Amino acid sequence: SESTSSSALITTAEGKYFSNGYDLKWALVDIARQQLMSRKLR
């Protein structure tokens, strides 16, 4: 919404990790959580 006709995006992260992947501790409780997380990432 805020971009002009010519823009660029940089993604970075603070700390030791950029991203350590899915939150498996949360997701492995049930299959519905795994499906939700997968859909949101896709």
All heavy atoms as atom14 arrays in JSON, in Angstrom:
{
  "sequence": "SESTSSSALITTAEGKYFSNGYDLKWALVDIARQQLMSRKLR",
  "atom14_mask": [
    [1, 1, 1, 1, 1, 1, 0, 0, 0, 0, 0, 0, 0, 0],
    [1, 1, 1, 1, 1, 1, 1, 1, 1, 0, 0, 0, 0, 0],
    [1, 1, 1, 1, 1, 1, 0, 0, 0, 0, 0, 0, 0, 0],
    [1, 1, 1, 1, 1, 1, 1, 0, 0, 0, 0, 0, 0, 0],
    [1, 1, 1, 1, 1, 1, 0, 0, 0, 0, 0, 0, 0, 0],
    [1, 1, 1, 1, 1, 1, 0, 0, 0, 0, 0, 0, 0, 0],
    [1, 1, 1, 1, 1, 1, 0, 0, 0, 0, 0, 0, 0, 0],
    [1, 1, 1, 1, 1, 0, 0, 0, 0, 0, 0, 0, 0, 0],
    [1, 1, 1, 1, 1, 1, 1, 1, 0, 0, 0, 0, 0, 0],
    [1, 1, 1, 1, 1, 1, 1, 1, 0, 0, 0, 0, 0, 0],
    [1, 1, 1, 1, 1, 1, 1, 0, 0, 0, 0, 0, 0, 0],
    [1, 1, 1, 1, 1, 1, 1, 0, 0, 0, 0, 0, 0, 0],
    [1, 1, 1, 1, 1, 0, 0, 0, 0, 0, 0, 0, 0, 0],
    [1, 1, 1, 1, 1, 1, 1, 1, 1, 0, 0, 0, 0, 0],
    [1, 1, 1, 1, 0, 0, 0, 0, 0, 0, 0, 0, 0, 0],
    [1, 1, 1, 1, 1, 1, 1, 1, 1, 0, 0, 0, 0, 0],
    [1, 1, 1, 1, 1, 1, 1, 1, 1, 1, 1, 1, 0, 0],
    [1, 1, 1, 1, 1, 1, 1, 1, 1, 1, 1, 0, 0, 0],
    [1, 1, 1, 1, 1, 1, 0, 0, 0, 0, 0, 0, 0, 0],
    [1, 1, 1, 1, 1, 1, 1, 1, 0, 0, 0, 0, 0, 0],
    [1, 1, 1, 1, 0, 0, 0, 0, 0, 0, 0, 0, 0, 0],
    [1, 1, 1, 1, 1, 1, 1, 1, 1, 1, 1, 1, 0, 0],
    [1, 1, 1, 1, 1, 1, 1, 1, 0, 0, 0, 0, 0, 0],
    [1, 1, 1, 1, 1, 1, 1, 1, 0, 0, 0, 0, 0, 0],
    [1, 1, 1, 1, 1, 1, 1, 1, 1, 0, 0, 0, 0, 0],
    [1, 1, 1, 1, 1, 1, 1, 1, 1, 1, 1, 1, 1, 1],
    [1, 1, 1, 1, 1, 0, 0, 0, 0, 0, 0, 0, 0, 0],
    [1, 1, 1, 1, 1, 1, 1, 1, 0, 0, 0, 0, 0, 0],
    [1, 1, 1, 1, 1, 1, 1, 0, 0, 0, 0, 0, 0, 0],
    [1, 1, 1, 1, 1, 1, 1, 1, 0, 0, 0, 0, 0, 0],
    [1, 1, 1, 1, 1, 1, 1, 1, 0, 0, 0, 0, 0, 0],
    [1, 1, 1, 1, 1, 0, 0, 0, 0, 0, 0, 0, 0, 0],
    [1, 1, 1, 1, 1, 1, 1, 1, 1, 1, 1, 0, 0, 0],
    [1, 1, 1, 1, 1, 1, 1, 1, 1, 0, 0, 0, 0, 0],
    [1, 1, 1, 1, 1, 1, 1, 1, 1, 0, 0, 0, 0, 0],
    [1, 1, 1, 1, 1, 1, 1, 1, 0, 0, 0, 0, 0, 0],
    [1, 1, 1, 1, 1, 1, 1, 1, 0, 0, 0, 0, 0, 0],
    [1, 1, 1, 1, 1, 1, 0, 0, 0, 0, 0, 0, 0, 0],
    [1, 1, 1, 1, 1, 1, 1, 1, 1, 1, 1, 0, 0, 0],
    [1, 1, 1, 1, 1, 1, 1, 1, 1, 0, 0, 0, 0, 0],
    [1, 1, 1, 1, 1, 1, 1, 1, 0, 0, 0, 0, 0, 0],
    [1, 1, 1, 1, 1, 1, 1, 1, 1, 1, 1, 0, 0, 0]
  ],
  "atom14_positions": [
    [[0.81, -1.21, 0.0], [0.0, 0.0, 0.0], [0.85, 1.27, 0.0], [0.41, 2.31, -0.51], [-0.95, 0.01, 1.21], [-0.23, 0.12, 2.42], [0.0, 0.0, 0.0], [0.0, 0.0, 0.0], [0.0, 0.0, 0.0], [0.0, 0.0, 0.0], [0.0, 0.0, 0.0], [0.0, 0.0, 0.0], [0.0, 0.0, 0.0], [0.0, 0.0, 0.0]],
    [[2.06, 1.19, 0.56], [2.9, 2.38, 0.7], [4.0, 2.48, -0.36], [4.73, 3.47, -0.41], [3.55, 2.41, 2.09], [2.55, 2.51, 3.24], [3.21, 2.45, 4.61], [4.45, 2.63, 4.67], [2.5, 2.22, 5.6], [0.0, 0.0, 0.0], [0.0, 0.0, 0.0], [0.0, 0.0, 0.0], [0.0, 0.0, 0.0], [0.0, 0.0, 0.0]],
    [[4.1, 1.46, -1.22], [5.2, 1.45, -2.18], [4.95, 2.43, -3.32], [3.81, 2.74, -3.67], [5.39, 0.05, -2.75], [4.23, -0.37, -3.46], [0.0, 0.0, 0.0], [0.0, 0.0, 0.0], [0.0, 0.0, 0.0], [0.0, 0.0, 0.0], [0.0, 0.0, 0.0], [0.0, 0.0, 0.0], [0.0, 0.0, 0.0], [0.0, 0.0, 0.0]],
    [[6.05, 2.89, -3.89], [6.0, 3.73, -5.08], [6.15, 2.83, -6.31], [6.18, 1.61, -6.2], [7.14, 4.76, -5.06], [8.39, 4.05, -5.08], [7.07, 5.6, -3.79], [0.0, 0.0, 0.0], [0.0, 0.0, 0.0], [0.0, 0.0, 0.0], [0.0, 0.0, 0.0], [0.0, 0.0, 0.0], [0.0, 0.0, 0.0], [0.0, 0.0, 0.0]],
    [[6.27, 3.44, -7.46], [6.41, 2.64, -8.68], [7.71, 1.84, -8.7], [7.81, 0.81, -9.35], [6.35, 3.54, -9.92], [7.37, 4.52, -9.86], [0.0, 0.0, 0.0], [0.0, 0.0, 0.0], [0.0, 0.0, 0.0], [0.0, 0.0, 0.0], [0.0, 0.0, 0.0], [0.0, 0.0, 0.0], [0.0, 0.0, 0.0], [0.0, 0.0, 0.0]],
    [[8.72, 2.33, -7.99], [9.99, 1.6, -7.9], [10.42, 1.53, -6.44], [10.79, 2.55, -5.85], [11.07, 2.29, -8.74], [12.28, 1.57, -8.68], [0.0, 0.0, 0.0], [0.0, 0.0, 0.0], [0.0, 0.0, 0.0], [0.0, 0.0, 0.0], [0.0, 0.0, 0.0], [0.0, 0.0, 0.0], [0.0, 0.0, 0.0], [0.0, 0.0, 0.0]],
    [[10.34, 0.34, -5.86], [10.68, 0.13, -4.45], [11.46, -1.17, -4.31], [11.63, -1.91, -5.27], [9.41, 0.07, -3.59], [8.64, 1.24, -3.7], [0.0, 0.0, 0.0], [0.0, 0.0, 0.0], [0.0, 0.0, 0.0], [0.0, 0.0, 0.0], [0.0, 0.0, 0.0], [0.0, 0.0, 0.0], [0.0, 0.0, 0.0], [0.0, 0.0, 0.0]],
    [[11.92, -1.45, -3.09], [12.59, -2.72, -2.79], [12.31, -3.09, -1.34], [12.06, -2.21, -0.51], [14.1, -2.63, -3.03], [0.0, 0.0, 0.0], [0.0, 0.0, 0.0], [0.0, 0.0, 0.0], [0.0, 0.0, 0.0], [0.0, 0.0, 0.0], [0.0, 0.0, 0.0], [0.0, 0.0, 0.0], [0.0, 0.0, 0.0], [0.0, 0.0, 0.0]],
    [[12.33, -4.39, -1.06], [12.11, -4.9, 0.3], [13.33, -5.66, 0.77], [13.87, -6.5, 0.04], [10.9, -5.84, 0.33], [10.7, -6.63, 1.63], [10.2, -5.7, 2.74], [9.73, -7.78, 1.44], [0.0, 0.0, 0.0], [0.0, 0.0, 0.0], [0.0, 0.0, 0.0], [0.0, 0.0, 0.0], [0.0, 0.0, 0.0], [0.0, 0.0, 0.0]],
    [[13.76, -5.36, 1.99], [14.81, -6.14, 2.66], [14.18, -6.81, 3.88], [13.47, -6.16, 4.66], [15.96, -5.23, 3.13], [16.64, -4.57, 1.94], [16.98, -6.03, 3.95], [17.55, -3.42, 2.33], [0.0, 0.0, 0.0], [0.0, 0.0, 0.0], [0.0, 0.0, 0.0], [0.0, 0.0, 0.0], [0.0, 0.0, 0.0], [0.0, 0.0, 0.0]],
    [[14.43, -8.09, 4.03], [13.99, -8.82, 5.23], [15.22, -9.26, 6.01], [16.15, -9.83, 5.44], [13.15, -10.06, 4.87], [12.07, -9.67, 4.03], [12.6, -10.72, 6.12], [0.0, 0.0, 0.0], [0.0, 0.0, 0.0], [0.0, 0.0, 0.0], [0.0, 0.0, 0.0], [0.0, 0.0, 0.0], [0.0, 0.0, 0.0], [0.0, 0.0, 0.0]],
    [[15.23, -8.99, 7.31], [16.33, -9.41, 8.16], [15.78, -9.79, 9.53], [14.56, -9.81, 9.73], [17.4, -8.3, 8.26], [18.59, -8.81, 8.87], [16.88, -7.1, 9.05], [0.0, 0.0, 0.0], [0.0, 0.0, 0.0], [0.0, 0.0, 0.0], [0.0, 0.0, 0.0], [0.0, 0.0, 0.0], [0.0, 0.0, 0.0], [0.0, 0.0, 0.0]],
    [[16.65, -10.14, 10.46], [16.2, -10.57, 11.79], [17.23, -10.22, 12.84], [18.44, -10.18, 12.57], [15.95, -12.08, 11.8], [0.0, 0.0, 0.0], [0.0, 0.0, 0.0], [0.0, 0.0, 0.0], [0.0, 0.0, 0.0], [0.0, 0.0, 0.0], [0.0, 0.0, 0.0], [0.0, 0.0, 0.0], [0.0, 0.0, 0.0], [0.0, 0.0, 0.0]],
    [[16.75, -9.97, 14.04], [17.63, -9.73, 15.18], [18.03, -11.06, 15.81], [17.32, -12.06, 15.7], [16.91, -8.87, 16.22], [16.54, -7.48, 15.72], [15.72, -6.69, 16.73], [15.19, -7.3, 17.68], [15.59, -5.46, 16.54], [0.0, 0.0, 0.0], [0.0, 0.0, 0.0], [0.0, 0.0, 0.0], [0.0, 0.0, 0.0], [0.0, 0.0, 0.0]],
    [[19.19, -11.07, 16.47], [19.59, -12.23, 17.24], [20.32, -13.3, 16.45], [20.73, -13.1, 15.31], [0.0, 0.0, 0.0], [0.0, 0.0, 0.0], [0.0, 0.0, 0.0], [0.0, 0.0, 0.0], [0.0, 0.0, 0.0], [0.0, 0.0, 0.0], [0.0, 0.0, 0.0], [0.0, 0.0, 0.0], [0.0, 0.0, 0.0], [0.0, 0.0, 0.0]],
    [[20.45, -14.46, 17.07], [21.25, -15.57, 16.52], [20.59, -16.23, 15.32], [21.27, -16.82, 14.48], [21.47, -16.6, 17.64], [22.28, -17.81, 17.24], [22.45, -18.75, 18.43], [23.21, -20.02, 18.03], [23.35, -20.96, 19.17], [0.0, 0.0, 0.0], [0.0, 0.0, 0.0], [0.0, 0.0, 0.0], [0.0, 0.0, 0.0], [0.0, 0.0, 0.0]],
    [[19.26, -16.15, 15.25], [18.52, -16.86, 14.2], [17.83, -15.89, 13.25], [17.27, -14.88, 13.68], [17.45, -17.77, 14.82], [17.99, -18.93, 15.61], [18.26, -18.8, 16.97], [18.25, -20.15, 15.0], [18.76, -19.87, 17.69], [18.74, -21.22, 15.72], [19.0, -21.07, 17.07], [19.51, -22.12, 17.79], [0.0, 0.0, 0.0], [0.0, 0.0, 0.0]],
    [[17.85, -16.24, 11.97], [16.96, -15.59, 11.01], [15.57, -16.18, 11.23], [14.62, -15.46, 11.49], [17.44, -15.82, 9.58], [16.63, -15.09, 8.55], [16.98, -13.8, 8.16], [15.52, -15.68, 7.96], [16.22, -13.11, 7.21], [14.77, -15.01, 7.02], [15.12, -13.71, 6.64], [0.0, 0.0, 0.0], [0.0, 0.0, 0.0], [0.0, 0.0, 0.0]],
    [[15.45, -17.49, 11.13], [14.24, -18.22, 11.53], [14.58, -19.68, 11.65], [15.2, -20.25, 10.74], [13.1, -18.03, 10.52], [12.02, -18.89, 10.84], [0.0, 0.0, 0.0], [0.0, 0.0, 0.0], [0.0, 0.0, 0.0], [0.0, 0.0, 0.0], [0.0, 0.0, 0.0], [0.0, 0.0, 0.0], [0.0, 0.0, 0.0], [0.0, 0.0, 0.0]],
    [[14.16, -20.29, 12.74], [14.46, -21.7, 12.99], [13.33, -22.61, 12.52], [13.19, -23.74, 12.98], [14.74, -21.92, 14.48], [15.63, -23.12, 14.72], [16.31, -23.61, 13.81], [15.66, -23.61, 15.95], [0.0, 0.0, 0.0], [0.0, 0.0, 0.0], [0.0, 0.0, 0.0], [0.0, 0.0, 0.0], [0.0, 0.0, 0.0], [0.0, 0.0, 0.0]],
    [[12.48, -22.1, 11.6], [11.45, -22.95, 11.0], [10.12, -22.88, 11.71], [9.84, -21.98, 12.5], [0.0, 0.0, 0.0], [0.0, 0.0, 0.0], [0.0, 0.0, 0.0], [0.0, 0.0, 0.0], [0.0, 0.0, 0.0], [0.0, 0.0, 0.0], [0.0, 0.0, 0.0], [0.0, 0.0, 0.0], [0.0, 0.0, 0.0], [0.0, 0.0, 0.0]],
    [[9.28, -23.85, 11.4], [7.96, -23.94, 12.01], [8.05, -24.03, 13.54], [9.01, -24.57, 14.09], [7.24, -25.19, 11.53], [6.57, -25.11, 10.18], [6.56, -26.22, 9.33], [5.92, -23.96, 9.75], [5.92, -26.18, 8.09], [5.29, -23.91, 8.52], [5.29, -25.02, 7.7], [4.66, -24.98, 6.49], [0.0, 0.0, 0.0], [0.0, 0.0, 0.0]],
    [[7.0, -23.56, 14.19], [6.87, -23.74, 15.64], [6.28, -25.13, 15.89], [5.08, -25.3, 16.08], [5.96, -22.65, 16.22], [5.92, -22.67, 17.74], [6.34, -23.7, 18.33], [5.46, -21.68, 18.34], [0.0, 0.0, 0.0], [0.0, 0.0, 0.0], [0.0, 0.0, 0.0], [0.0, 0.0, 0.0], [0.0, 0.0, 0.0], [0.0, 0.0, 0.0]],
    [[7.15, -26.14, 15.87], [6.69, -27.53, 15.96], [6.1, -27.86, 17.32], [5.16, -28.65, 17.41], [7.85, -28.48, 15.64], [8.36, -28.42, 14.19], [9.55, -29.34, 14.01], [7.25, -28.78, 13.21], [0.0, 0.0, 0.0], [0.0, 0.0, 0.0], [0.0, 0.0, 0.0], [0.0, 0.0, 0.0], [0.0, 0.0, 0.0], [0.0, 0.0, 0.0]],
    [[6.64, -27.26, 18.38], [6.09, -27.53, 19.72], [4.62, -27.16, 19.77], [3.8, -27.87, 20.35], [6.88, -26.74, 20.77], [6.45, -27.01, 22.2], [7.31, -26.26, 23.2], [6.87, -26.53, 24.63], [7.71, -25.78, 25.61], [0.0, 0.0, 0.0], [0.0, 0.0, 0.0], [0.0, 0.0, 0.0], [0.0, 0.0, 0.0], [0.0, 0.0, 0.0]],
    [[4.26, -26.04, 19.15], [2.86, -25.61, 19.1], [2.07, -26.48, 18.12], [0.95, -26.89, 18.4], [2.8, -24.14, 18.68], [1.41, -23.61, 18.53], [0.62, -23.08, 19.52], [0.63, -23.56, 17.32], [-0.6, -22.7, 19.0], [-0.62, -22.99, 17.65], [0.87, -23.94, 16.0], [-1.63, -22.78, 16.71], [-0.12, -23.75, 15.06], [-1.35, -23.18, 15.41]],
    [[2.65, -26.77, 16.96], [1.9, -27.4, 15.87], [1.61, -28.87, 16.09], [0.57, -29.37, 15.65], [2.65, -27.23, 14.55], [0.0, 0.0, 0.0], [0.0, 0.0, 0.0], [0.0, 0.0, 0.0], [0.0, 0.0, 0.0], [0.0, 0.0, 0.0], [0.0, 0.0, 0.0], [0.0, 0.0, 0.0], [0.0, 0.0, 0.0], [0.0, 0.0, 0.0]],
    [[2.51, -29.58, 16.75], [2.36, -31.03, 16.83], [1.3, -31.48, 17.83], [1.06, -32.67, 18.0], [3.71, -31.68, 17.18], [4.78, -31.58, 16.07], [6.08, -32.21, 16.52], [4.29, -32.23, 14.78], [0.0, 0.0, 0.0], [0.0, 0.0, 0.0], [0.0, 0.0, 0.0], [0.0, 0.0, 0.0], [0.0, 0.0, 0.0], [0.0, 0.0, 0.0]],
    [[0.61, -30.53, 18.44], [-0.5, -30.87, 19.34], [-1.62, -31.56, 18.57], [-2.21, -32.52, 19.05], [-1.02, -29.6, 20.05], [-2.32, -29.89, 20.8], [0.05, -29.07, 21.0], [0.0, 0.0, 0.0], [0.0, 0.0, 0.0], [0.0, 0.0, 0.0], [0.0, 0.0, 0.0], [0.0, 0.0, 0.0], [0.0, 0.0, 0.0], [0.0, 0.0, 0.0]],
    [[-1.93, -31.06, 17.36], [-2.94, -31.72, 16.53], [-2.76, -31.32, 15.07], [-2.09, -30.33, 14.75], [-4.37, -31.41, 17.01], [-4.72, -29.94, 16.93], [-4.62, -29.36, 15.83], [-5.12, -29.37, 17.96], [0.0, 0.0, 0.0], [0.0, 0.0, 0.0], [0.0, 0.0, 0.0], [0.0, 0.0, 0.0], [0.0, 0.0, 0.0], [0.0, 0.0, 0.0]],
    [[-3.36, -32.08, 14.18], [-3.19, -31.9, 12.75], [-3.79, -30.59, 12.28], [-3.28, -29.97, 11.31], [-3.8, -33.1, 11.98], [-3.34, -33.07, 10.5], [-5.3, -33.11, 12.11], [-1.88, -33.28, 10.29], [0.0, 0.0, 0.0], [0.0, 0.0, 0.0], [0.0, 0.0, 0.0], [0.0, 0.0, 0.0], [0.0, 0.0, 0.0], [0.0, 0.0, 0.0]],
    [[-4.83, -30.1, 12.92], [-5.44, -28.84, 12.5], [-4.46, -27.69, 12.64], [-4.43, -26.78, 11.79], [-6.7, -28.57, 13.32], [0.0, 0.0, 0.0], [0.0, 0.0, 0.0], [0.0, 0.0, 0.0], [0.0, 0.0, 0.0], [0.0, 0.0, 0.0], [0.0, 0.0, 0.0], [0.0, 0.0, 0.0], [0.0, 0.0, 0.0], [0.0, 0.0, 0.0]],
    [[-3.64, -27.71, 13.69], [-2.63, -26.67, 13.85], [-1.58, -26.75, 12.76], [-1.12, -25.73, 12.23], [-1.96, -26.79, 15.23], [-2.85, -26.38, 16.39], [-2.07, -26.34, 17.7], [-2.88, -25.86, 18.8], [-2.41, -25.56, 20.0], [-1.1, -25.73, 20.25], [-3.19, -25.1, 20.95], [0.0, 0.0, 0.0], [0.0, 0.0, 0.0], [0.0, 0.0, 0.0]],
    [[-1.19, -27.97, 12.4], [-0.2, -28.14, 11.34], [-0.74, -27.62, 10.01], [-0.02, -26.96, 9.25], [0.18, -29.62, 11.23], [0.87, -30.17, 12.47], [0.97, -31.68, 12.44], [1.37, -32.27, 11.43], [0.6, -32.32, 13.54], [0.0, 0.0, 0.0], [0.0, 0.0, 0.0], [0.0, 0.0, 0.0], [0.0, 0.0, 0.0], [0.0, 0.0, 0.0]],
    [[-1.99, -27.91, 9.73], [-2.6, -27.43, 8.48], [-2.69, -25.92, 8.47], [-2.42, -25.28, 7.44], [-3.98, -28.06, 8.31], [-3.93, -29.56, 8.04], [-5.3, -30.21, 8.02], [-6.28, -29.62, 8.48], [-5.38, -31.41, 7.46], [0.0, 0.0, 0.0], [0.0, 0.0, 0.0], [0.0, 0.0, 0.0], [0.0, 0.0, 0.0], [0.0, 0.0, 0.0]],
    [[-3.07, -25.33, 9.59], [-3.17, -23.88, 9.68], [-1.81, -23.22, 9.42], [-1.71, -22.26, 8.64], [-3.7, -23.47, 11.05], [-3.75, -21.96, 11.33], [-4.77, -21.28, 10.41], [-4.09, -21.7, 12.8], [0.0, 0.0, 0.0], [0.0, 0.0, 0.0], [0.0, 0.0, 0.0], [0.0, 0.0, 0.0], [0.0, 0.0, 0.0], [0.0, 0.0, 0.0]],
    [[-0.79, -23.73, 10.07], [0.55, -23.15, 9.93], [1.05, -23.28, 8.49], [1.62, -22.34, 7.93], [1.51, -23.84, 10.9], [2.81, -23.11, 11.12], [3.62, -23.67, 12.65], [3.76, -25.42, 12.35], [0.0, 0.0, 0.0], [0.0, 0.0, 0.0], [0.0, 0.0, 0.0], [0.0, 0.0, 0.0], [0.0, 0.0, 0.0], [0.0, 0.0, 0.0]],
    [[0.81, -24.45, 7.88], [1.22, -24.67, 6.5], [0.5, -23.7, 5.56], [1.11, -23.1, 4.66], [0.94, -26.11, 6.08], [1.13, -26.29, 4.69], [0.0, 0.0, 0.0], [0.0, 0.0, 0.0], [0.0, 0.0, 0.0], [0.0, 0.0, 0.0], [0.0, 0.0, 0.0], [0.0, 0.0, 0.0], [0.0, 0.0, 0.0], [0.0, 0.0, 0.0]],
    [[-0.8, -23.56, 5.74], [-1.56, -22.65, 4.86], [-1.07, -21.22, 4.98], [-0.93, -20.51, 3.98], [-3.05, -22.71, 5.18], [-3.72, -23.96, 4.67], [-5.22, -23.82, 4.77], [-5.88, -25.04, 4.32], [-7.19, -25.19, 4.25], [-7.98, -24.19, 4.61], [-7.72, -26.31, 3.82], [0.0, 0.0, 0.0], [0.0, 0.0, 0.0], [0.0, 0.0, 0.0]],
    [[-0.83, -20.78, 6.2], [-0.38, -19.41, 6.39], [1.0, -19.19, 5.75], [1.25, -18.15, 5.14], [-0.36, -19.05, 7.87], [-1.74, -18.83, 8.46], [-1.69, -18.41, 9.91], [-3.09, -18.14, 10.46], [-3.67, -16.91, 9.89], [0.0, 0.0, 0.0], [0.0, 0.0, 0.0], [0.0, 0.0, 0.0], [0.0, 0.0, 0.0], [0.0, 0.0, 0.0]],
    [[1.89, -20.17, 5.88], [3.21, -20.03, 5.25], [3.09, -20.01, 3.73], [3.73, -19.21, 3.05], [4.15, -21.14, 5.69], [5.56, -21.05, 5.07], [6.25, -19.74, 5.46], [6.41, -22.24, 5.48], [0.0, 0.0, 0.0], [0.0, 0.0, 0.0], [0.0, 0.0, 0.0], [0.0, 0.0, 0.0], [0.0, 0.0, 0.0], [0.0, 0.0, 0.0]],
    [[2.24, -20.88, 3.19], [2.08, -20.91, 1.73], [1.5, -19.59, 1.21], [1.89, -19.11, 0.14], [1.21, -22.1, 1.32], [1.97, -23.43, 1.38], [1.1, -24.59, 0.97], [0.27, -25.07, 2.06], [-1.01, -25.41, 1.96], [-1.63, -25.3, 0.79], [-1.68, -25.88, 2.99], [0.0, 0.0, 0.0], [0.0, 0.0, 0.0], [0.0, 0.0, 0.0]]
  ]
}
